[in-house]
Every structure is written in structure tokens, then in C-alpha cells.
């Protein structure tokens, strides 16, 4: 089983929409980058976006 790395991005309530992006595109892009970097390290990653 691969090690899990949990990343937490905190944003102010008024900036949350910018962090997530239209239809979640920005959040999806961040998760894609984390996934690629994690795969190279043979680990799993999770991105949580909190306010």
C-alpha cells in the first residue's frame, strides 16, 4: 500500500471561488499536478480545500 500525503489548502471565504475556479478547473489542475508529483515519488496524495 502506498503512503498517503494529505495536502490542505486554506483560503478565505471570499477567495474560495478563485481557488476552486470555474467548474472546479483550478482545483482539478492542482490535484493533477499533485498526482503527477506523487506518482513520481510512488505515493498517493489528497488535496483538501478549506475555508
PDB file of N, CA and C in Angstrom:
ATOM      1  N   UNK A   1       0.840  -1.181   0.000  1.00  0.00           N
ATOM      2  CA  UNK A   1       0.000   0.000   0.000  1.00  0.00           C
ATOM      3  C   UNK A   1       0.888   1.249   0.000  1.00  0.00           C
ATOM      4  N   UNK A   2       0.531   2.210  -0.817  1.00  0.00           N
ATOM      5  CA  UNK A   2       1.320   3.429  -0.930  1.00  0.00           C
ATOM      6  C   UNK A   2       1.024   4.379   0.218  1.00  0.00           C
ATOM      7  N   UNK A   3       2.061   5.122   0.599  1.00  0.00           N
ATOM      8  CA  UNK A   3       1.905   6.140   1.640  1.00  0.00           C
ATOM      9  C   UNK A   3       1.004   7.256   1.124  1.00  0.00           C
ATOM     10  N   UNK A   4       0.149   7.761   1.988  1.00  0.00           N
ATOM     11  CA  UNK A   4      -0.784   8.829   1.624  1.00  0.00           C
ATOM     12  C   UNK A   4      -0.298  10.154   2.193  1.00  0.00           C
ATOM     13  N   UNK A   5      -0.223  11.169   1.346  1.00  0.00           N
ATOM     14  CA  UNK A   5       0.140  12.516   1.769  1.00  0.00           C
ATOM     15  C   UNK A   5      -1.096  13.384   1.612  1.00  0.00           C
ATOM     16  N   UNK A   6      -1.478  14.048   2.685  1.00  0.00           N
ATOM     17  CA  UNK A   6      -2.679  14.881   2.691  1.00  0.00           C
ATOM     18  C   UNK A   6      -2.262  16.348   2.649  1.00  0.00           C
ATOM     19  N   UNK A   7      -2.604  17.043   1.580  1.00  0.00           N
ATOM     20  CA  UNK A   7      -2.318  18.467   1.440  1.00  0.00           C
ATOM     21  C   UNK A   7      -3.592  19.242   1.745  1.00  0.00           C
ATOM     22  N   UNK A   8      -3.448  20.301   2.523  1.00  0.00           N
ATOM     23  CA  UNK A   8      -4.598  21.132   2.869  1.00  0.00           C
ATOM     24  C   UNK A   8      -4.326  22.548   2.401  1.00  0.00           C
ATOM     25  N   UNK A   9      -5.217  23.067   1.570  1.00  0.00           N
ATOM     26  CA  UNK A   9      -5.125  24.450   1.101  1.00  0.00           C
ATOM     27  C   UNK A   9      -6.215  25.239   1.808  1.00  0.00           C
ATOM     28  N   UNK A  10      -5.811  26.267   2.530  1.00  0.00           N
ATOM     29  CA  UNK A  10      -6.782  27.107   3.232  1.00  0.00           C
ATOM     30  C   UNK A  10      -6.939  28.415   2.474  1.00  0.00           C
ATOM     31  N   UNK A  11      -8.174  28.839   2.318  1.00  0.00           N
ATOM     32  CA  UNK A  11      -8.464  30.093   1.621  1.00  0.00           C
ATOM     33  C   UNK A  11      -9.527  30.852   2.402  1.00  0.00           C
ATOM     34  N   UNK A  12      -9.472  32.157   2.290  1.00  0.00           N
ATOM     35  CA  UNK A  12     -10.523  32.973   2.885  1.00  0.00           C
ATOM     36  C   UNK A  12     -11.831  32.698   2.158  1.00  0.00           C
ATOM     37  N   UNK A  13     -12.935  32.877   2.859  1.00  0.00           N
ATOM     38  CA  UNK A  13     -14.248  32.590   2.278  1.00  0.00           C
ATOM     39  C   UNK A  13     -14.460  33.351   0.970  1.00  0.00           C
ATOM     40  N   UNK A  14     -14.028  34.623   0.931  1.00  0.00           N
ATOM     41  CA  UNK A  14     -14.226  35.425  -0.281  1.00  0.00           C
ATOM     42  C   UNK A  14     -13.296  35.006  -1.428  1.00  0.00           C
ATOM     43  N   UNK A  15     -12.233  34.254  -1.134  1.00  0.00           N
ATOM     44  CA  UNK A  15     -11.311  33.799  -2.177  1.00  0.00           C
ATOM     45  C   UNK A  15     -11.538  32.344  -2.579  1.00  0.00           C
ATOM     46  N   UNK A  16     -12.450  31.677  -1.916  1.00  0.00           N
ATOM     47  CA  UNK A  16     -12.669  30.254  -2.160  1.00  0.00           C
ATOM     48  C   UNK A  16     -13.052  29.972  -3.611  1.00  0.00           C
ATOM     49  N   UNK A  17     -13.883  30.814  -4.197  1.00  0.00           N
ATOM     50  CA  UNK A  17     -14.281  30.634  -5.594  1.00  0.00           C
ATOM     51  C   UNK A  17     -13.105  30.731  -6.545  1.00  0.00           C
ATOM     52  N   UNK A  18     -12.163  31.620  -6.252  1.00  0.00           N
ATOM     53  CA  UNK A  18     -10.974  31.763  -7.096  1.00  0.00           C
ATOM     54  C   UNK A  18     -10.075  30.537  -6.986  1.00  0.00           C
ATOM     55  N   UNK A  19      -9.968  29.995  -5.785  1.00  0.00           N
ATOM     56  CA  UNK A  19      -9.125  28.818  -5.578  1.00  0.00           C
ATOM     57  C   UNK A  19      -9.718  27.609  -6.289  1.00  0.00           C
ATOM     58  N   UNK A  20     -11.024  27.452  -6.218  1.00  0.00           N
ATOM     59  CA  UNK A  20     -11.680  26.314  -6.869  1.00  0.00           C
ATOM     60  C   UNK A  20     -11.755  26.524  -8.373  1.00  0.00           C
ATOM     61  N   UNK A  21     -12.052  27.736  -8.812  1.00  0.00           N
ATOM     62  CA  UNK A  21     -12.119  28.043 -10.239  1.00  0.00           C
ATOM     63  C   UNK A  21     -13.463  27.682 -10.846  1.00  0.00           C
ATOM     64  N   UNK A  22     -13.649  28.126 -12.084  1.00  0.00           N
ATOM     65  CA  UNK A  22     -14.896  27.826 -12.794  1.00  0.00           C
ATOM     66  C   UNK A  22     -15.011  26.328 -13.014  1.00  0.00           C
ATOM     67  N   UNK A  23     -16.124  25.780 -12.581  1.00  0.00           N
ATOM     68  CA  UNK A  23     -16.420  24.347 -12.694  1.00  0.00           C
ATOM     69  C   UNK A  23     -15.309  23.484 -12.097  1.00  0.00           C
ATOM     70  N   UNK A  24     -14.582  24.043 -11.116  1.00  0.00           N
ATOM     71  CA  UNK A  24     -13.541  23.285 -10.426  1.00  0.00           C
ATOM     72  C   UNK A  24     -12.262  23.089 -11.212  1.00  0.00           C
ATOM     73  N   UNK A  25     -12.069  23.860 -12.270  1.00  0.00           N
ATOM     74  CA  UNK A  25     -10.897  23.660 -13.129  1.00  0.00           C
ATOM     75  C   UNK A  25      -9.580  23.915 -12.407  1.00  0.00           C
ATOM     76  N   UNK A  26      -9.516  24.974 -11.602  1.00  0.00           N
ATOM     77  CA  UNK A  26      -8.273  25.284 -10.891  1.00  0.00           C
ATOM     78  C   UNK A  26      -7.962  24.197  -9.869  1.00  0.00           C
ATOM     79  N   UNK A  27      -8.963  23.774  -9.122  1.00  0.00           N
ATOM     80  CA  UNK A  27      -8.770  22.706  -8.138  1.00  0.00           C
ATOM     81  C   UNK A  27      -8.356  21.410  -8.831  1.00  0.00           C
ATOM     82  N   UNK A  28      -8.962  21.106  -9.952  1.00  0.00           N
ATOM     83  CA  UNK A  28      -8.612  19.896 -10.700  1.00  0.00           C
ATOM     84  C   UNK A  28      -7.170  19.966 -11.192  1.00  0.00           C
ATOM     85  N   UNK A  29      -6.746  21.148 -11.647  1.00  0.00           N
ATOM     86  CA  UNK A  29      -5.369  21.322 -12.114  1.00  0.00           C
ATOM     87  C   UNK A  29      -4.383  21.119 -10.963  1.00  0.00           C
ATOM     88  N   UNK A  30      -4.703  21.665  -9.794  1.00  0.00           N
ATOM     89  CA  UNK A  30      -3.828  21.477  -8.626  1.00  0.00           C
ATOM     90  C   UNK A  30      -3.739  20.003  -8.256  1.00  0.00           C
ATOM     91  N   UNK A  31      -4.881  19.305  -8.311  1.00  0.00           N
ATOM     92  CA  UNK A  31      -4.879  17.871  -7.987  1.00  0.00           C
ATOM     93  C   UNK A  31      -4.086  17.071  -9.021  1.00  0.00           C
ATOM     94  N   UNK A  32      -4.154  17.471 -10.282  1.00  0.00           N
ATOM     95  CA  UNK A  32      -3.400  16.787 -11.336  1.00  0.00           C
ATOM     96  C   UNK A  32      -1.900  16.929 -11.110  1.00  0.00           C
ATOM     97  N   UNK A  33      -1.460  18.145 -10.772  1.00  0.00           N
ATOM     98  CA  UNK A  33      -0.036  18.376 -10.503  1.00  0.00           C
ATOM     99  C   UNK A  33       0.418  17.557  -9.294  1.00  0.00           C
ATOM    100  N   UNK A  34      -0.375  17.564  -8.225  1.00  0.00           N
ATOM    101  CA  UNK A  34      -0.035  16.775  -7.041  1.00  0.00           C
ATOM    102  C   UNK A  34       0.016  15.286  -7.360  1.00  0.00           C
ATOM    103  N   UNK A  35      -0.912  14.832  -8.161  1.00  0.00           N
ATOM    104  CA  UNK A  35      -0.960  13.420  -8.534  1.00  0.00           C
ATOM    105  C   UNK A  35       0.283  13.015  -9.323  1.00  0.00           C
ATOM    106  N   UNK A  36       0.690  13.856 -10.261  1.00  0.00           N
ATOM    107  CA  UNK A  36       1.876  13.554 -11.068  1.00  0.00           C
ATOM    108  C   UNK A  36       3.132  13.529 -10.199  1.00  0.00           C
ATOM    109  N   UNK A  37       3.259  14.511  -9.311  1.00  0.00           N
ATOM    110  CA  UNK A  37       4.425  14.559  -8.427  1.00  0.00           C
ATOM    111  C   UNK A  37       4.426  13.371  -7.466  1.00  0.00           C
ATOM    112  N   UNK A  38       3.263  13.016  -6.962  1.00  0.00           N
ATOM    113  CA  UNK A  38       3.154  11.891  -6.036  1.00  0.00           C
ATOM    114  C   UNK A  38       3.474  10.573  -6.725  1.00  0.00           C
ATOM    115  N   UNK A  39       3.022  10.421  -7.956  1.00  0.00           N
ATOM    116  CA  UNK A  39       3.293   9.193  -8.703  1.00  0.00           C
ATOM    117  C   UNK A  39       4.794   9.010  -8.901  1.00  0.00           C
ATOM    118  N   UNK A  40       5.487  10.100  -9.141  1.00  0.00           N
ATOM    119  CA  UNK A  40       6.939  10.033  -9.320  1.00  0.00           C
ATOM    120  C   UNK A  40       7.614   9.550  -8.032  1.00  0.00           C
ATOM    121  N   UNK A  41       7.041   9.929  -6.889  1.00  0.00           N
ATOM    122  CA  UNK A  41       7.579   9.512  -5.591  1.00  0.00           C
ATOM    123  C   UNK A  41       6.980   8.196  -5.105  1.00  0.00           C
ATOM    124  N   UNK A  42       6.095   7.610  -5.923  1.00  0.00           N
ATOM    125  CA  UNK A  42       5.395   6.363  -5.591  1.00  0.00           C
ATOM    126  C   UNK A  42       4.584   6.505  -4.305  1.00  0.00           C
ATOM    127  N   UNK A  43       3.853   7.610  -4.229  1.00  0.00           N
ATOM    128  CA  UNK A  43       2.982   7.887  -3.093  1.00  0.00           C
ATOM    129  C   UNK A  43       1.636   8.353  -3.617  1.00  0.00           C
ATOM    130  N   UNK A  44       0.637   8.396  -2.747  1.00  0.00           N
ATOM    131  CA  UNK A  44      -0.683   8.921  -3.093  1.00  0.00           C
ATOM    132  C   UNK A  44      -0.842  10.268  -2.422  1.00  0.00           C
ATOM    133  N   UNK A  45      -1.656  11.123  -3.017  1.00  0.00           N
ATOM    134  CA  UNK A  45      -1.887  12.431  -2.408  1.00  0.00           C
ATOM    135  C   UNK A  45      -3.362  12.796  -2.483  1.00  0.00           C
ATOM    136  N   UNK A  46      -3.775  13.612  -1.521  1.00  0.00           N
ATOM    137  CA  UNK A  46      -5.138  14.116  -1.457  1.00  0.00           C
ATOM    138  C   UNK A  46      -5.042  15.613  -1.206  1.00  0.00           C
ATOM    139  N   UNK A  47      -5.804  16.390  -1.951  1.00  0.00           N
ATOM    140  CA  UNK A  47      -5.854  17.831  -1.747  1.00  0.00           C
ATOM    141  C   UNK A  47      -7.201  18.193  -1.157  1.00  0.00           C
ATOM    142  N   UNK A  48      -7.171  18.820   0.001  1.00  0.00           N
ATOM    143  CA  UNK A  48      -8.390  19.314   0.635  1.00  0.00           C
ATOM    144  C   UNK A  48      -8.352  20.831   0.583  1.00  0.00           C
ATOM    145  N   UNK A  49      -9.450  21.436   0.168  1.00  0.00           N
ATOM    146  CA  UNK A  49      -9.544  22.890   0.121  1.00  0.00           C
ATOM    147  C   UNK A  49     -10.536  23.317   1.193  1.00  0.00           C
ATOM    148  N   UNK A  50     -10.045  24.073   2.159  1.00  0.00           N
ATOM    149  CA  UNK A  50     -10.855  24.506   3.295  1.00  0.00           C
ATOM    150  C   UNK A  50     -10.973  26.016   3.310  1.00  0.00           C
ATOM    151  N   UNK A  51     -12.010  26.502   3.989  1.00  0.00           N
ATOM    152  CA  UNK A  51     -12.132  27.953   4.155  1.00  0.00           C
ATOM    153  C   UNK A  51     -11.721  28.335   5.550  1.00  0.00           C
TER     154      UNK A  51
END
